[in-house]
Amino acid sequence: MSTVRKLRLGPLPKTETVKVIFICPASLKADLDRYAALHAQTYGETVSTVTLIPHMLEAFMAGDRGFRRGGEWSNRVKNG
């Protein structure tokens, strides 16, 4: 029997995008690629590492209490 893993980052919504250049260590890129592969296996849809990064950052900021207390995040979520 196979176990189903639940990832913190769920299925990805469709959003408007802008291009940002992101430079990271090779070890982080390898981890991001592994996460993308696990995400594809979990949700049945292939997604690139580049597509995952903004969603991961958004999830990180949403969980950062200090950032949320600043007011800007809560206004964006309510209006956004």
N, C-alpha and C. Protein backbone atom coordinates (compact mmCIF):
# COMPACT_ATOMS: atom_id res chain seq x y z
N MET A 1 0.85 -1.17 0.00
CA MET A 1 0.00 0.00 0.00
C MET A 1 0.89 1.24 0.00
N SER A 2 0.60 2.18 -0.87
CA SER A 2 1.39 3.39 -0.96
C SER A 2 0.79 4.48 -0.08
N THR A 3 1.65 5.27 0.54
CA THR A 3 1.17 6.36 1.37
C THR A 3 1.16 7.63 0.55
N VAL A 4 0.15 8.43 0.74
CA VAL A 4 0.02 9.70 0.04
C VAL A 4 0.59 10.78 0.93
N ARG A 5 1.56 11.51 0.41
CA ARG A 5 2.15 12.61 1.16
C ARG A 5 1.38 13.88 0.88
N LYS A 6 1.25 14.70 1.89
CA LYS A 6 0.64 16.00 1.70
C LYS A 6 1.74 17.03 1.81
N LEU A 7 1.97 17.77 0.76
CA LEU A 7 3.00 18.80 0.77
C LEU A 7 2.42 20.10 1.29
N ARG A 8 3.26 20.90 1.89
CA ARG A 8 2.82 22.20 2.39
C ARG A 8 2.31 23.08 1.25
N LEU A 9 2.96 22.96 0.10
CA LEU A 9 2.54 23.72 -1.07
C LEU A 9 1.58 22.86 -1.88
N GLY A 10 0.32 23.26 -1.93
CA GLY A 10 -0.71 22.48 -2.62
C GLY A 10 -0.71 22.73 -4.11
N PRO A 11 -1.79 22.37 -4.79
CA PRO A 11 -1.91 22.64 -6.23
C PRO A 11 -1.77 24.13 -6.49
N LEU A 12 -1.18 24.47 -7.61
CA LEU A 12 -0.88 25.88 -7.89
C LEU A 12 -2.01 26.58 -8.62
N PRO A 13 -2.32 27.81 -8.18
CA PRO A 13 -3.34 28.60 -8.88
C PRO A 13 -2.73 29.26 -10.12
N LYS A 14 -3.57 29.67 -11.04
CA LYS A 14 -3.10 30.44 -12.21
C LYS A 14 -3.02 31.90 -11.78
N THR A 15 -1.90 32.56 -12.09
CA THR A 15 -1.73 33.94 -11.68
C THR A 15 -1.04 34.74 -12.77
N GLU A 16 -1.12 36.06 -12.68
CA GLU A 16 -0.37 36.96 -13.55
C GLU A 16 1.08 36.93 -13.10
N THR A 17 2.03 37.01 -14.02
CA THR A 17 3.43 36.90 -13.64
C THR A 17 4.27 38.06 -14.15
N VAL A 18 5.41 38.26 -13.50
CA VAL A 18 6.46 39.17 -13.94
C VAL A 18 7.78 38.41 -13.83
N LYS A 19 8.74 38.77 -14.65
CA LYS A 19 10.02 38.06 -14.65
C LYS A 19 10.96 38.66 -13.60
N VAL A 20 11.54 37.76 -12.79
CA VAL A 20 12.54 38.13 -11.80
C VAL A 20 13.70 37.14 -11.94
N ILE A 21 14.92 37.64 -11.94
CA ILE A 21 16.07 36.74 -12.02
C ILE A 21 16.43 36.29 -10.61
N PHE A 22 16.60 34.98 -10.46
CA PHE A 22 16.86 34.37 -9.16
C PHE A 22 18.15 33.55 -9.25
N ILE A 23 19.13 33.86 -8.41
CA ILE A 23 20.39 33.13 -8.38
C ILE A 23 20.48 32.41 -7.05
N CYS A 24 20.83 31.12 -7.10
CA CYS A 24 20.92 30.34 -5.86
C CYS A 24 22.05 29.33 -5.95
N PRO A 25 22.45 28.78 -4.81
CA PRO A 25 23.47 27.74 -4.81
C PRO A 25 22.97 26.49 -5.56
N ALA A 26 23.91 25.75 -6.13
CA ALA A 26 23.56 24.53 -6.87
C ALA A 26 22.81 23.54 -5.98
N SER A 27 23.17 23.48 -4.71
CA SER A 27 22.49 22.54 -3.79
C SER A 27 21.02 22.91 -3.60
N LEU A 28 20.72 24.22 -3.55
CA LEU A 28 19.33 24.65 -3.43
C LEU A 28 18.57 24.33 -4.71
N LYS A 29 19.19 24.54 -5.86
CA LYS A 29 18.55 24.22 -7.15
C LYS A 29 18.21 22.73 -7.20
N ALA A 30 19.12 21.89 -6.74
CA ALA A 30 18.86 20.44 -6.72
C ALA A 30 17.68 20.12 -5.81
N ASP A 31 17.62 20.77 -4.65
CA ASP A 31 16.48 20.56 -3.74
C ASP A 31 15.18 21.04 -4.36
N LEU A 32 15.22 22.18 -5.04
CA LEU A 32 14.03 22.70 -5.70
C LEU A 32 13.56 21.74 -6.80
N ASP A 33 14.49 21.19 -7.55
CA ASP A 33 14.14 20.22 -8.59
C ASP A 33 13.51 18.97 -7.98
N ARG A 34 14.06 18.51 -6.86
CA ARG A 34 13.48 17.34 -6.17
C ARG A 34 12.07 17.66 -5.68
N TYR A 35 11.88 18.87 -5.15
CA TYR A 35 10.55 19.27 -4.68
C TYR A 35 9.57 19.32 -5.85
N ALA A 36 10.00 19.86 -6.97
CA ALA A 36 9.14 19.93 -8.16
C ALA A 36 8.73 18.53 -8.61
N ALA A 37 9.67 17.59 -8.56
CA ALA A 37 9.35 16.21 -8.95
C ALA A 37 8.35 15.59 -7.98
N LEU A 38 8.54 15.82 -6.68
CA LEU A 38 7.61 15.30 -5.69
C LEU A 38 6.24 15.96 -5.82
N HIS A 39 6.22 17.25 -6.11
CA HIS A 39 4.96 17.97 -6.31
C HIS A 39 4.21 17.38 -7.50
N ALA A 40 4.92 17.12 -8.59
CA ALA A 40 4.31 16.52 -9.78
C ALA A 40 3.75 15.13 -9.47
N GLN A 41 4.51 14.36 -8.72
CA GLN A 41 4.06 13.01 -8.34
C GLN A 41 2.82 13.09 -7.44
N THR A 42 2.81 14.03 -6.52
CA THR A 42 1.71 14.17 -5.56
C THR A 42 0.43 14.65 -6.22
N TYR A 43 0.54 15.65 -7.12
CA TYR A 43 -0.64 16.29 -7.70
C TYR A 43 -0.92 15.91 -9.15
N GLY A 44 -0.07 15.09 -9.75
CA GLY A 44 -0.33 14.59 -11.09
C GLY A 44 -0.17 15.60 -12.20
N GLU A 45 0.53 16.69 -11.94
CA GLU A 45 0.74 17.72 -12.96
C GLU A 45 2.19 18.18 -12.90
N THR A 46 2.90 18.03 -14.01
CA THR A 46 4.29 18.46 -14.05
C THR A 46 4.37 19.97 -13.93
N VAL A 47 5.26 20.42 -13.07
CA VAL A 47 5.45 21.85 -12.86
C VAL A 47 6.95 22.10 -12.74
N SER A 48 7.41 23.19 -13.34
CA SER A 48 8.84 23.50 -13.30
C SER A 48 9.22 24.13 -11.97
N THR A 49 10.49 24.05 -11.68
CA THR A 49 11.02 24.69 -10.48
C THR A 49 10.77 26.19 -10.53
N VAL A 50 10.95 26.78 -11.68
CA VAL A 50 10.73 28.22 -11.85
C VAL A 50 9.30 28.60 -11.50
N THR A 51 8.35 27.76 -11.83
CA THR A 51 6.95 28.01 -11.50
C THR A 51 6.69 27.88 -10.00
N LEU A 52 7.38 26.96 -9.36
CA LEU A 52 7.16 26.73 -7.93
C LEU A 52 7.71 27.84 -7.04
N ILE A 53 8.84 28.43 -7.41
CA ILE A 53 9.52 29.38 -6.53
C ILE A 53 8.62 30.50 -6.03
N PRO A 54 7.86 31.21 -6.88
CA PRO A 54 7.03 32.28 -6.34
C PRO A 54 5.96 31.79 -5.36
N HIS A 55 5.42 30.61 -5.62
CA HIS A 55 4.41 30.07 -4.72
C HIS A 55 5.02 29.68 -3.38
N MET A 56 6.24 29.17 -3.41
CA MET A 56 6.94 28.83 -2.18
C MET A 56 7.24 30.09 -1.37
N LEU A 57 7.68 31.13 -2.05
CA LEU A 57 7.97 32.39 -1.35
C LEU A 57 6.70 33.00 -0.77
N GLU A 58 5.62 32.93 -1.52
CA GLU A 58 4.35 33.46 -1.02
C GLU A 58 3.89 32.69 0.21
N ALA A 59 4.02 31.36 0.18
CA ALA A 59 3.64 30.54 1.33
C ALA A 59 4.53 30.86 2.54
N PHE A 60 5.81 31.08 2.28
CA PHE A 60 6.73 31.44 3.35
C PHE A 60 6.32 32.76 4.00
N MET A 61 6.04 33.76 3.18
CA MET A 61 5.65 35.07 3.72
C MET A 61 4.31 35.01 4.44
N ALA A 62 3.40 34.20 3.94
CA ALA A 62 2.09 34.07 4.59
C ALA A 62 2.25 33.47 5.98
N GLY A 63 3.26 32.63 6.17
CA GLY A 63 3.48 32.01 7.47
C GLY A 63 4.37 32.81 8.40
N ASP A 64 4.89 33.93 7.94
CA ASP A 64 5.78 34.75 8.74
C ASP A 64 4.96 35.77 9.54
N ARG A 65 4.81 35.50 10.82
CA ARG A 65 3.96 36.36 11.66
C ARG A 65 4.45 37.80 11.72
N GLY A 66 5.76 37.99 11.76
CA GLY A 66 6.30 39.34 11.80
C GLY A 66 5.95 40.12 10.55
N PHE A 67 5.98 39.47 9.41
CA PHE A 67 5.62 40.12 8.16
C PHE A 67 4.13 40.42 8.11
N ARG A 68 3.32 39.46 8.52
CA ARG A 68 1.87 39.66 8.50
C ARG A 68 1.45 40.78 9.42
N ARG A 69 2.11 40.93 10.56
CA ARG A 69 1.77 41.99 11.51
C ARG A 69 2.05 43.38 10.94
N GLY A 70 2.88 43.45 9.90
CA GLY A 70 3.20 44.73 9.30
C GLY A 70 2.03 45.38 8.60
N GLY A 71 0.94 44.65 8.38
CA GLY A 71 -0.27 45.22 7.80
C GLY A 71 -0.41 45.04 6.31
N GLU A 72 0.66 45.15 5.57
CA GLU A 72 0.58 45.08 4.11
C GLU A 72 0.08 43.72 3.66
N TRP A 73 0.58 42.64 4.27
CA TRP A 73 0.18 41.29 3.85
C TRP A 73 -1.31 41.08 4.09
N SER A 74 -1.81 41.45 5.26
CA SER A 74 -3.22 41.19 5.55
C SER A 74 -4.12 42.00 4.62
N ASN A 75 -3.72 43.20 4.25
CA ASN A 75 -4.52 43.99 3.30
C ASN A 75 -4.52 43.34 1.92
N ARG A 76 -3.37 42.81 1.49
CA ARG A 76 -3.27 42.18 0.17
C ARG A 76 -4.15 40.94 0.11
N VAL A 77 -4.12 40.14 1.17
CA VAL A 77 -4.91 38.90 1.19
C VAL A 77 -6.39 39.23 1.17
N LYS A 78 -6.82 40.23 1.93
CA LYS A 78 -8.24 40.60 1.97
C LYS A 78 -8.72 41.16 0.64
N ASN A 79 -7.85 41.95 -0.02
CA ASN A 79 -8.25 42.63 -1.25
C ASN A 79 -7.82 41.91 -2.52
N GLY A 80 -7.04 40.86 -2.36
CA GLY A 80 -6.44 40.34 -3.44
C GLY A 80 -6.57 39.33 -4.34
